[in-house]
Amino acid sequence: MDTNKMREERAEAEARVLKHLQGCLGSTAWAMSGAVRLRREEVSKACQRLKRKGLVATSPNQATYWQAVKP
């Protein structure tokens, strides 16, 4: 697969996940997968990339619960 296409797909997945998390209090990757229409694995990877960018974080009480970081 073309590297640019893969990069675009990852960026689109990240944007969809971030938009979803900004519109709610938080979610698990499994629950988000239906809302953003991606496989759970893709959602998890997008969350990890967003976490490295400082845009999302896991809940202090539950490591599988993702939340958007407030600016």
C-alpha atoms as a PDB file:
ATOM      1  CA  MET A   1       0.000   0.000   0.000  1.00  0.00           C
ATOM      2  CA  ASP A   2       1.170   3.522  -0.762  1.00  0.00           C
ATOM      3  CA  THR A   3       2.778   5.215   2.229  1.00  0.00           C
ATOM      4  CA  ASN A   4       0.983   8.502   1.616  1.00  0.00           C
ATOM      5  CA  LYS A   5      -2.367   6.730   1.516  1.00  0.00           C
ATOM      6  CA  MET A   6      -1.580   4.950   4.796  1.00  0.00           C
ATOM      7  CA  ARG A   7      -0.585   8.267   6.369  1.00  0.00           C
ATOM      8  CA  GLU A   8      -3.833   9.872   5.187  1.00  0.00           C
ATOM      9  CA  GLU A   9      -5.896   6.968   6.554  1.00  0.00           C
ATOM     10  CA  ARG A  10      -4.165   7.240   9.937  1.00  0.00           C
ATOM     11  CA  ALA A  11      -4.743  11.007  10.025  1.00  0.00           C
ATOM     12  CA  GLU A  12      -8.417  10.534   9.149  1.00  0.00           C
ATOM     13  CA  ALA A  13      -8.831   7.892  11.865  1.00  0.00           C
ATOM     14  CA  GLU A  14      -7.159  10.175  14.409  1.00  0.00           C
ATOM     15  CA  ALA A  15      -9.419  13.077  13.437  1.00  0.00           C
ATOM     16  CA  ARG A  16     -12.568  10.963  13.765  1.00  0.00           C
ATOM     17  CA  VAL A  17     -11.523   9.578  17.149  1.00  0.00           C
ATOM     18  CA  LEU A  18     -10.500  12.990  18.500  1.00  0.00           C
ATOM     19  CA  LYS A  19     -13.745  14.607  17.325  1.00  0.00           C
ATOM     20  CA  HIS A  20     -15.745  11.855  19.026  1.00  0.00           C
ATOM     21  CA  LEU A  21     -13.826  12.186  22.300  1.00  0.00           C
ATOM     22  CA  GLN A  22     -14.180  15.968  22.302  1.00  0.00           C
ATOM     23  CA  GLY A  23     -17.946  15.552  22.014  1.00  0.00           C
ATOM     24  CA  CYS A  24     -18.327  13.224  25.001  1.00  0.00           C
ATOM     25  CA  LEU A  25     -16.879  12.702  28.467  1.00  0.00           C
ATOM     26  CA  GLY A  26     -14.803   9.736  27.323  1.00  0.00           C
ATOM     27  CA  SER A  27     -15.100   6.246  25.927  1.00  0.00           C
ATOM     28  CA  THR A  28     -13.455   2.881  25.502  1.00  0.00           C
ATOM     29  CA  ALA A  29     -11.980   1.885  22.150  1.00  0.00           C
ATOM     30  CA  TRP A  30     -14.615  -0.832  21.817  1.00  0.00           C
ATOM     31  CA  ALA A  31     -17.492   1.614  22.324  1.00  0.00           C
ATOM     32  CA  MET A  32     -15.900   4.201  20.021  1.00  0.00           C
ATOM     33  CA  SER A  33     -15.442   1.700  17.210  1.00  0.00           C
ATOM     34  CA  GLY A  34     -19.152   1.739  16.410  1.00  0.00           C
ATOM     35  CA  ALA A  35     -19.460   5.505  16.676  1.00  0.00           C
ATOM     36  CA  VAL A  36     -16.517   6.299  14.394  1.00  0.00           C
ATOM     37  CA  ARG A  37     -17.016   3.280  12.119  1.00  0.00           C
ATOM     38  CA  LEU A  38     -13.530   1.825  12.542  1.00  0.00           C
ATOM     39  CA  ARG A  39     -12.273  -1.500  13.865  1.00  0.00           C
ATOM     40  CA  ARG A  40     -11.420  -1.499  17.568  1.00  0.00           C
ATOM     41  CA  GLU A  41      -7.760  -2.118  16.759  1.00  0.00           C
ATOM     42  CA  GLU A  42      -7.660   0.962  14.518  1.00  0.00           C
ATOM     43  CA  VAL A  43      -9.318   3.055  17.234  1.00  0.00           C
ATOM     44  CA  SER A  44      -6.795   1.826  19.821  1.00  0.00           C
ATOM     45  CA  LYS A  45      -3.859   2.680  17.567  1.00  0.00           C
ATOM     46  CA  ALA A  46      -5.326   6.116  16.831  1.00  0.00           C
ATOM     47  CA  CYS A  47      -5.759   6.729  20.570  1.00  0.00           C
ATOM     48  CA  GLN A  48      -2.130   5.766  21.215  1.00  0.00           C
ATOM     49  CA  ARG A  49      -0.918   8.163  18.506  1.00  0.00           C
ATOM     50  CA  LEU A  50      -3.138  10.946  19.892  1.00  0.00           C
ATOM     51  CA  LYS A  51      -1.818  10.202  23.385  1.00  0.00           C
ATOM     52  CA  ARG A  52       1.778  10.673  22.173  1.00  0.00           C
ATOM     53  CA  LYS A  53       0.692  14.020  20.687  1.00  0.00           C
ATOM     54  CA  GLY A  54      -0.820  15.030  24.039  1.00  0.00           C
ATOM     55  CA  LEU A  55      -4.391  15.299  22.722  1.00  0.00           C
ATOM     56  CA  VAL A  56      -5.974  12.416  24.647  1.00  0.00           C
ATOM     57  CA  ALA A  57      -5.246  10.577  27.870  1.00  0.00           C
ATOM     58  CA  THR A  58      -6.506   7.551  29.702  1.00  0.00           C
ATOM     59  CA  SER A  59      -8.700   7.981  32.734  1.00  0.00           C
ATOM     60  CA  PRO A  60      -6.786   7.975  36.035  1.00  0.00           C
ATOM     61  CA  ASN A  61      -9.164   5.300  37.329  1.00  0.00           C
ATOM     62  CA  GLN A  62      -9.441   3.029  34.283  1.00  0.00           C
ATOM     63  CA  ALA A  63      -6.619   2.566  31.765  1.00  0.00           C
ATOM     64  CA  THR A  64      -8.949   1.486  28.948  1.00  0.00           C
ATOM     65  CA  TYR A  65     -11.125   4.626  29.161  1.00  0.00           C
ATOM     66  CA  TRP A  66      -9.964   7.411  26.839  1.00  0.00           C
ATOM     67  CA  GLN A  67     -10.676  11.113  27.333  1.00  0.00           C
ATOM     68  CA  ALA A  68      -9.807  14.216  25.311  1.00  0.00           C
ATOM     69  CA  VAL A  69      -7.326  16.492  27.052  1.00  0.00           C
ATOM     70  CA  LYS A  70      -8.835  19.864  27.899  1.00  0.00           C
ATOM     71  CA  PRO A  71      -6.806  22.777  26.458  1.00  0.00           C
END
